[in-house]
Amino acid sequence: MKNKKNLTCLSAMLVSCFFIALPLKAQVMIGDNKTPETFSLLELFSNSKGLRMPQLSTSERDALGFKAKFISPAPGSEEEKLAPLAKGLLIYNTTIKCLELWNGIDWISLCSDTSSEPIDVCVPPVLTGVILGATSVFAGETDLYYSVIKLPDFSYLWTIPSGWSQTGALNMIKTTAGAANGKIAVVPSITCEGKELNGAVVDLDVEIYTLGCCKNPPKITITGGVKGG
């Protein structure tokens, strides 16, 4: 009886040591005694069992709120910090009976109608909303800002009317107006699996103010006081 009790205590100690040491080991093999390959963090080995992903229906998946939280998170919010980390999450969708991957923009199905065709998880980026900024300005006016909603991992390719100048190249640019009307335009871009994907262009018509030219003339601000005689 005493030996049995000692054996139980020894087993418990060994199990505890295993779980304590597990985080300290860089690589883990489960199901075999072989050393994991140098490129593997975790390896599972079995001739009779598989790996089961979390099972969620489409409604349960949507209840996670990934699109609402991570597509256009508020600047400085916890969602903005987590958005890049959420990419790569894998589930099994019980509604469509298929594995799905969150790529940072949308849930991508890993099923294909023909098994011979490769599955492309890269999709062109889509901007949310429109370009914000003045549509009627004075020729030579400075500090004109144009912006779009910032999205994780996007880059932004801006174009401006001829004769204008700009600084900045993120989701916001600062411009100085030239003498010509034209369009402020931006194309979203994202790098996926080593290739650059460009989305659809979004643009905004801008006009140089002349007397009677524009529906919404620029505002004129007068500063300073009036000196008495």
C-alpha atoms as a PDB file:
ATOM      1  CA  MET A   1       0.000   0.000   0.000  1.00  0.00           C
ATOM      2  CA  LYS A   2       2.843   2.309   0.940  1.00  0.00           C
ATOM      3  CA  ASN A   3       4.669   1.543  -2.328  1.00  0.00           C
ATOM      4  CA  LYS A   4       1.533   2.292  -4.298  1.00  0.00           C
ATOM      5  CA  LYS A   5       1.184   5.642  -2.524  1.00  0.00           C
ATOM      6  CA  ASN A   6       4.835   6.495  -3.199  1.00  0.00           C
ATOM      7  CA  LEU A   7       4.413   5.562  -6.865  1.00  0.00           C
ATOM      8  CA  THR A   8       1.389   7.855  -7.146  1.00  0.00           C
ATOM      9  CA  CYS A   9       3.325  10.755  -5.596  1.00  0.00           C
ATOM     10  CA  LEU A  10       6.281  10.124  -7.909  1.00  0.00           C
ATOM     11  CA  SER A  11       4.007  10.112 -10.967  1.00  0.00           C
ATOM     12  CA  ALA A  12       2.408  13.374  -9.896  1.00  0.00           C
ATOM     13  CA  MET A  13       5.841  14.951  -9.435  1.00  0.00           C
ATOM     14  CA  LEU A  14       6.981  13.829 -12.881  1.00  0.00           C
ATOM     15  CA  VAL A  15       3.833  15.202 -14.523  1.00  0.00           C
ATOM     16  CA  SER A  16       4.282  18.518 -12.697  1.00  0.00           C
ATOM     17  CA  CYS A  17       7.913  18.739 -13.777  1.00  0.00           C
ATOM     18  CA  PHE A  18       6.873  18.084 -17.383  1.00  0.00           C
ATOM     19  CA  PHE A  19       4.393  20.966 -17.438  1.00  0.00           C
ATOM     20  CA  ILE A  20       6.819  23.306 -15.663  1.00  0.00           C
ATOM     21  CA  ALA A  21       9.598  22.508 -18.123  1.00  0.00           C
ATOM     22  CA  LEU A  22       7.374  22.602 -21.210  1.00  0.00           C
ATOM     23  CA  PRO A  23       7.447  26.410 -21.677  1.00  0.00           C
ATOM     24  CA  LEU A  24      11.264  26.339 -21.379  1.00  0.00           C
ATOM     25  CA  LYS A  25      11.646  23.979 -24.330  1.00  0.00           C
ATOM     26  CA  ALA A  26      11.824  25.716 -27.706  1.00  0.00           C
ATOM     27  CA  GLN A  27      10.413  22.752 -29.662  1.00  0.00           C
ATOM     28  CA  VAL A  28       7.807  20.131 -28.768  1.00  0.00           C
ATOM     29  CA  MET A  29       7.001  16.745 -30.297  1.00  0.00           C
ATOM     30  CA  ILE A  30       3.716  15.076 -29.320  1.00  0.00           C
ATOM     31  CA  GLY A  31       3.008  11.441 -30.192  1.00  0.00           C
ATOM     32  CA  ASP A  32       6.604  10.288 -30.804  1.00  0.00           C
ATOM     33  CA  ASN A  33      10.046  10.391 -29.208  1.00  0.00           C
ATOM     34  CA  LYS A  34      11.867  11.761 -32.256  1.00  0.00           C
ATOM     35  CA  THR A  35      13.382  15.233 -32.156  1.00  0.00           C
ATOM     36  CA  PRO A  36      11.294  17.861 -33.981  1.00  0.00           C
ATOM     37  CA  GLU A  37      12.701  19.228 -37.218  1.00  0.00           C
ATOM     38  CA  THR A  38      14.778  22.387 -36.831  1.00  0.00           C
ATOM     39  CA  PHE A  39      12.089  24.465 -38.562  1.00  0.00           C
ATOM     40  CA  SER A  40       9.234  23.188 -36.328  1.00  0.00           C
ATOM     41  CA  LEU A  41       8.001  24.754 -33.107  1.00  0.00           C
ATOM     42  CA  LEU A  42       5.397  22.012 -32.589  1.00  0.00           C
ATOM     43  CA  GLU A  43       5.036  18.612 -34.286  1.00  0.00           C
ATOM     44  CA  LEU A  44       2.164  16.141 -33.861  1.00  0.00           C
ATOM     45  CA  PHE A  45       2.641  12.501 -34.844  1.00  0.00           C
ATOM     46  CA  SER A  46      -0.067   9.866 -35.211  1.00  0.00           C
ATOM     47  CA  ASN A  47      -1.085   7.105 -37.598  1.00  0.00           C
ATOM     48  CA  SER A  48      -4.628   6.956 -36.251  1.00  0.00           C
ATOM     49  CA  LYS A  49      -5.704  10.414 -35.012  1.00  0.00           C
ATOM     50  CA  GLY A  50      -5.948  13.940 -36.372  1.00  0.00           C
ATOM     51  CA  LEU A  51      -5.934  17.551 -35.181  1.00  0.00           C
ATOM     52  CA  ARG A  52      -9.383  19.033 -34.553  1.00  0.00           C
ATOM     53  CA  MET A  53      -9.900  22.789 -35.005  1.00  0.00           C
ATOM     54  CA  PRO A  54     -12.476  24.785 -32.983  1.00  0.00           C
ATOM     55  CA  GLN A  55     -15.968  24.181 -34.405  1.00  0.00           C
ATOM     56  CA  LEU A  56     -18.011  27.356 -35.068  1.00  0.00           C
ATOM     57  CA  SER A  57     -21.058  28.040 -37.192  1.00  0.00           C
ATOM     58  CA  THR A  58     -21.082  31.130 -39.410  1.00  0.00           C
ATOM     59  CA  SER A  59     -23.246  33.004 -36.892  1.00  0.00           C
ATOM     60  CA  GLU A  60     -20.953  32.001 -34.021  1.00  0.00           C
ATOM     61  CA  ARG A  61     -17.923  33.091 -36.055  1.00  0.00           C
ATOM     62  CA  ASP A  62     -19.527  36.454 -36.852  1.00  0.00           C
ATOM     63  CA  ALA A  63     -20.366  36.913 -33.167  1.00  0.00           C
ATOM     64  CA  LEU A  64     -16.605  37.134 -32.544  1.00  0.00           C
ATOM     65  CA  GLY A  65     -16.887  40.586 -34.145  1.00  0.00           C
ATOM     66  CA  PHE A  66     -13.582  40.434 -36.038  1.00  0.00           C
ATOM     67  CA  LYS A  67     -14.700  42.772 -38.834  1.00  0.00           C
ATOM     68  CA  ALA A  68     -16.203  45.299 -36.433  1.00  0.00           C
ATOM     69  CA  LYS A  69     -13.164  45.199 -34.138  1.00  0.00           C
ATOM     70  CA  PHE A  70     -10.203  44.876 -36.464  1.00  0.00           C
ATOM     71  CA  ILE A  71     -11.048  46.255 -39.934  1.00  0.00           C
ATOM     72  CA  SER A  72     -10.992  49.926 -38.873  1.00  0.00           C
ATOM     73  CA  PRO A  73     -10.119  50.055 -35.162  1.00  0.00           C
ATOM     74  CA  ALA A  74     -10.042  53.388 -33.380  1.00  0.00           C
ATOM     75  CA  PRO A  75      -6.508  54.858 -33.265  1.00  0.00           C
ATOM     76  CA  GLY A  76      -4.780  53.957 -30.001  1.00  0.00           C
ATOM     77  CA  SER A  77      -7.453  51.427 -29.016  1.00  0.00           C
ATOM     78  CA  GLU A  78      -6.861  47.884 -27.765  1.00  0.00           C
ATOM     79  CA  GLU A  79      -8.415  46.602 -31.007  1.00  0.00           C
ATOM     80  CA  GLU A  80      -5.767  48.435 -33.051  1.00  0.00           C
ATOM     81  CA  LYS A  81      -3.026  46.685 -31.038  1.00  0.00           C
ATOM     82  CA  LEU A  82      -4.644  43.260 -31.441  1.00  0.00           C
ATOM     83  CA  ALA A  83      -5.575  43.526 -35.133  1.00  0.00           C
ATOM     84  CA  PRO A  84      -2.175  42.327 -36.474  1.00  0.00           C
ATOM     85  CA  LEU A  85      -2.088  39.487 -33.917  1.00  0.00           C
ATOM     86  CA  ALA A  86      -5.501  38.141 -34.960  1.00  0.00           C
ATOM     87  CA  LYS A  87      -4.306  37.334 -38.481  1.00  0.00           C
ATOM     88  CA  GLY A  88      -3.867  33.604 -39.055  1.00  0.00           C
ATOM     89  CA  LEU A  89      -6.648  32.448 -36.732  1.00  0.00           C
ATOM     90  CA  LEU A  90      -8.034  29.134 -38.014  1.00  0.00           C
ATOM     91  CA  ILE A  91     -11.481  27.622 -37.361  1.00  0.00           C
ATOM     92  CA  TYR A  92     -13.710  24.915 -38.827  1.00  0.00           C
ATOM     93  CA  ASN A  93     -16.971  26.457 -40.044  1.00  0.00           C
ATOM     94  CA  THR A  94     -19.739  23.925 -39.386  1.00  0.00           C
ATOM     95  CA  THR A  95     -22.186  25.843 -41.613  1.00  0.00           C
ATOM     96  CA  ILE A  96     -20.142  25.562 -44.808  1.00  0.00           C
ATOM     97  CA  LYS A  97     -18.201  22.492 -43.588  1.00  0.00           C
ATOM     98  CA  CYS A  98     -14.822  24.003 -44.296  1.00  0.00           C
ATOM     99  CA  LEU A  99     -11.724  25.408 -42.604  1.00  0.00           C
ATOM    100  CA  GLU A 100     -11.584  29.222 -42.566  1.00  0.00           C
ATOM    101  CA  LEU A 101      -8.652  31.560 -42.027  1.00  0.00           C
ATOM    102  CA  TRP A 102      -8.787  35.188 -40.836  1.00  0.00           C
ATOM    103  CA  ASN A 103      -6.294  37.091 -43.034  1.00  0.00           C
ATOM    104  CA  GLY A 104      -6.721  40.479 -41.344  1.00  0.00           C
ATOM    105  CA  ILE A 105      -9.440  41.653 -43.730  1.00  0.00           C
ATOM    106  CA  ASP A 106     -11.916  38.796 -44.104  1.00  0.00           C
ATOM    107  CA  TRP A 107     -12.576  35.124 -43.360  1.00  0.00           C
ATOM    108  CA  ILE A 108     -11.070  33.090 -46.207  1.00  0.00           C
ATOM    109  CA  SER A 109     -12.415  29.617 -46.969  1.00  0.00           C
ATOM    110  CA  LEU A 110      -9.719  26.983 -47.492  1.00  0.00           C
ATOM    111  CA  CYS A 111     -12.026  24.782 -49.564  1.00  0.00           C
ATOM    112  CA  SER A 112     -11.782  24.595 -53.341  1.00  0.00           C
ATOM    113  CA  ASP A 113     -14.171  23.193 -55.922  1.00  0.00           C
ATOM    114  CA  THR A 114     -11.263  21.492 -57.682  1.00  0.00           C
ATOM    115  CA  SER A 115      -8.534  20.001 -55.543  1.00  0.00           C
ATOM    116  CA  SER A 116      -5.956  20.518 -58.306  1.00  0.00           C
ATOM    117  CA  GLU A 117      -6.232  24.309 -58.065  1.00  0.00           C
ATOM    118  CA  PRO A 118      -4.157  26.116 -55.423  1.00  0.00           C
ATOM    119  CA  ILE A 119      -6.056  28.121 -52.825  1.00  0.00           C
ATOM    120  CA  ASP A 120      -5.234  31.828 -52.855  1.00  0.00           C
ATOM    121  CA  VAL A 121      -5.796  33.457 -49.469  1.00  0.00           C
ATOM    122  CA  CYS A 122      -4.608  36.858 -50.730  1.00  0.00           C
ATOM    123  CA  VAL A 123      -7.362  39.322 -51.614  1.00  0.00           C
ATOM    124  CA  PRO A 124      -7.038  42.928 -52.839  1.00  0.00           C
ATOM    125  CA  PRO A 125      -7.419  45.535 -50.083  1.00  0.00           C
ATOM    126  CA  VAL A 126     -10.565  47.654 -49.839  1.00  0.00           C
ATOM    127  CA  LEU A 127     -10.661  51.138 -48.320  1.00  0.00           C
ATOM    128  CA  THR A 128     -13.400  52.018 -45.866  1.00  0.00           C
ATOM    129  CA  GLY A 129     -15.169  55.330 -46.525  1.00  0.00           C
ATOM    130  CA  VAL A 130     -14.080  58.228 -48.755  1.00  0.00           C
ATOM    131  CA  ILE A 131     -11.248  60.762 -48.928  1.00  0.00           C
ATOM    132  CA  LEU A 132     -11.765  63.557 -46.413  1.00  0.00           C
ATOM    133  CA  GLY A 133     -10.567  67.067 -47.275  1.00  0.00           C
ATOM    134  CA  ALA A 134     -11.436  70.379 -48.905  1.00  0.00           C
ATOM    135  CA  THR A 135     -12.932  70.291 -52.413  1.00  0.00           C
ATOM    136  CA  SER A 136     -12.579  74.025 -53.157  1.00  0.00           C
ATOM    137  CA  VAL A 137      -9.282  75.812 -52.391  1.00  0.00           C
ATOM    138  CA  PHE A 138      -7.244  78.869 -53.386  1.00  0.00           C
ATOM    139  CA  ALA A 139      -4.314  78.536 -55.780  1.00  0.00           C
ATOM    140  CA  GLY A 140      -1.148  78.326 -53.666  1.00  0.00           C
ATOM    141  CA  GLU A 141      -3.073  77.522 -50.466  1.00  0.00           C
ATOM    142  CA  THR A 142      -0.918  75.526 -48.025  1.00  0.00           C
ATOM    143  CA  ASP A 143      -1.561  72.982 -45.264  1.00  0.00           C
ATOM    144  CA  LEU A 144      -4.402  71.214 -47.067  1.00  0.00           C
ATOM    145  CA  TYR A 145      -4.903  67.796 -45.479  1.00  0.00           C
ATOM    146  CA  TYR A 146      -6.491  64.772 -47.196  1.00  0.00           C
ATOM    147  CA  SER A 147      -7.006  61.457 -45.427  1.00  0.00           C
ATOM    148  CA  VAL A 148      -8.685  58.046 -45.441  1.00  0.00           C
ATOM    149  CA  ILE A 149      -9.401  55.625 -42.587  1.00  0.00           C
ATOM    150  CA  LYS A 150      -6.241  53.845 -41.463  1.00  0.00           C
ATOM    151  CA  LEU A 151      -6.295  50.046 -41.824  1.00  0.00           C
ATOM    152  CA  PRO A 152      -3.731  47.545 -40.474  1.00  0.00           C
ATOM    153  CA  ASP A 153      -0.813  46.695 -42.807  1.00  0.00           C
ATOM    154  CA  PHE A 154      -2.114  48.885 -45.651  1.00  0.00           C
ATOM    155  CA  SER A 155       0.129  51.227 -47.615  1.00  0.00           C
ATOM    156  CA  TYR A 156      -1.339  54.129 -49.556  1.00  0.00           C
ATOM    157  CA  LEU A 157      -0.399  55.290 -53.061  1.00  0.00           C
ATOM    158  CA  TRP A 158      -1.486  58.925 -53.487  1.00  0.00           C
ATOM    159  CA  THR A 159      -1.719  61.056 -56.629  1.00  0.00           C
ATOM    160  CA  ILE A 160      -2.459  64.804 -56.742  1.00  0.00           C
ATOM    161  CA  PRO A 161      -3.341  67.319 -59.498  1.00  0.00           C
ATOM    162  CA  SER A 162      -0.579  68.660 -61.749  1.00  0.00           C
ATOM    163  CA  GLY A 163       1.297  71.535 -60.135  1.00  0.00           C
ATOM    164  CA  TRP A 164       0.339  70.557 -56.589  1.00  0.00           C
ATOM    165  CA  SER A 165       2.857  69.316 -54.010  1.00  0.00           C
ATOM    166  CA  GLN A 166       2.514  66.909 -51.102  1.00  0.00           C
ATOM    167  CA  THR A 167       4.288  65.618 -48.017  1.00  0.00           C
ATOM    168  CA  GLY A 168       3.483  62.374 -46.257  1.00  0.00           C
ATOM    169  CA  ALA A 169       2.486  59.019 -47.741  1.00  0.00           C
ATOM    170  CA  LEU A 170       0.456  57.196 -45.106  1.00  0.00           C
ATOM    171  CA  ASN A 171      -3.309  57.401 -44.711  1.00  0.00           C
ATOM    172  CA  MET A 172      -2.991  61.215 -44.507  1.00  0.00           C
ATOM    173  CA  ILE A 173      -1.106  63.678 -46.714  1.00  0.00           C
ATOM    174  CA  LYS A 174      -0.502  67.441 -46.509  1.00  0.00           C
ATOM    175  CA  THR A 175      -0.643  69.347 -49.796  1.00  0.00           C
ATOM    176  CA  THR A 176      -0.057  72.768 -51.270  1.00  0.00           C
ATOM    177  CA  ALA A 177      -2.474  73.669 -54.062  1.00  0.00           C
ATOM    178  CA  GLY A 178      -1.245  74.527 -57.535  1.00  0.00           C
ATOM    179  CA  ALA A 179      -3.176  76.449 -60.170  1.00  0.00           C
ATOM    180  CA  ALA A 180      -5.033  73.486 -61.723  1.00  0.00           C
ATOM    181  CA  ASN A 181      -8.211  71.618 -60.876  1.00  0.00           C
ATOM    182  CA  GLY A 182      -8.015  67.846 -60.671  1.00  0.00           C
ATOM    183  CA  LYS A 183      -8.403  64.836 -58.437  1.00  0.00           C
ATOM    184  CA  ILE A 184      -6.873  63.763 -55.153  1.00  0.00           C
ATOM    185  CA  ALA A 185      -6.680  59.972 -55.487  1.00  0.00           C
ATOM    186  CA  VAL A 186      -5.409  57.059 -53.396  1.00  0.00           C
ATOM    187  CA  VAL A 187      -4.925  53.357 -54.087  1.00  0.00           C
ATOM    188  CA  PRO A 188      -4.693  50.954 -51.106  1.00  0.00           C
ATOM    189  CA  SER A 189      -1.939  48.366 -51.287  1.00  0.00           C
ATOM    190  CA  ILE A 190      -1.023  45.331 -49.193  1.00  0.00           C
ATOM    191  CA  THR A 191       1.749  42.717 -49.358  1.00  0.00           C
ATOM    192  CA  CYS A 192       0.571  39.107 -49.101  1.00  0.00           C
ATOM    193  CA  GLU A 193       2.767  36.036 -49.528  1.00  0.00           C
ATOM    194  CA  GLY A 194       5.512  38.112 -51.102  1.00  0.00           C
ATOM    195  CA  LYS A 195       3.361  39.842 -53.703  1.00  0.00           C
ATOM    196  CA  GLU A 196       1.873  43.341 -53.705  1.00  0.00           C
ATOM    197  CA  LEU A 197      -1.866  43.652 -54.228  1.00  0.00           C
ATOM    198  CA  ASN A 198      -3.494  46.970 -55.140  1.00  0.00           C
ATOM    199  CA  GLY A 199      -7.148  47.740 -54.470  1.00  0.00           C
ATOM    200  CA  ALA A 200      -9.580  50.002 -56.308  1.00  0.00           C
ATOM    201  CA  VAL A 201      -8.766  53.712 -56.587  1.00  0.00           C
ATOM    202  CA  VAL A 202     -10.730  56.189 -54.443  1.00  0.00           C
ATOM    203  CA  ASP A 203     -10.705  59.819 -55.571  1.00  0.00           C
ATOM    204  CA  LEU A 204     -12.001  63.286 -54.735  1.00  0.00           C
ATOM    205  CA  ASP A 205     -12.558  66.171 -57.200  1.00  0.00           C
ATOM    206  CA  VAL A 206     -10.889  69.444 -56.158  1.00  0.00           C
ATOM    207  CA  GLU A 207     -11.315  72.910 -57.700  1.00  0.00           C
ATOM    208  CA  ILE A 208      -9.224  76.056 -57.609  1.00  0.00           C
ATOM    209  CA  TYR A 209     -11.462  78.905 -56.493  1.00  0.00           C
ATOM    210  CA  THR A 210     -12.167  81.737 -58.907  1.00  0.00           C
ATOM    211  CA  LEU A 211     -15.086  84.142 -58.683  1.00  0.00           C
ATOM    212  CA  GLY A 212     -18.291  82.160 -59.203  1.00  0.00           C
ATOM    213  CA  CYS A 213     -16.487  78.872 -59.899  1.00  0.00           C
ATOM    214  CA  CYS A 214     -17.496  76.734 -57.032  1.00  0.00           C
ATOM    215  CA  LYS A 215     -20.554  75.614 -55.129  1.00  0.00           C
ATOM    216  CA  ASN A 216     -18.565  75.606 -51.865  1.00  0.00           C
ATOM    217  CA  PRO A 217     -15.949  78.391 -51.953  1.00  0.00           C
ATOM    218  CA  PRO A 218     -13.093  78.129 -49.439  1.00  0.00           C
ATOM    219  CA  LYS A 219     -13.485  79.883 -46.135  1.00  0.00           C
ATOM    220  CA  ILE A 220     -11.549  83.120 -45.657  1.00  0.00           C
ATOM    221  CA  THR A 221     -10.167  83.694 -42.181  1.00  0.00           C
ATOM    222  CA  ILE A 222      -9.182  87.222 -41.132  1.00  0.00           C
ATOM    223  CA  THR A 223      -6.871  87.593 -38.181  1.00  0.00           C
ATOM    224  CA  GLY A 224      -5.701  90.659 -36.263  1.00  0.00           C
ATOM    225  CA  GLY A 225      -7.481  93.684 -34.862  1.00  0.00           C
ATOM    226  CA  VAL A 226      -8.479  97.145 -36.036  1.00  0.00           C
ATOM    227  CA  LYS A 227      -6.324 100.063 -34.921  1.00  0.00           C
ATOM    228  CA  GLY A 228      -8.107 103.244 -33.857  1.00  0.00           C
ATOM    229  CA  GLY A 229      -7.223 106.704 -35.285  1.00  0.00           C
END
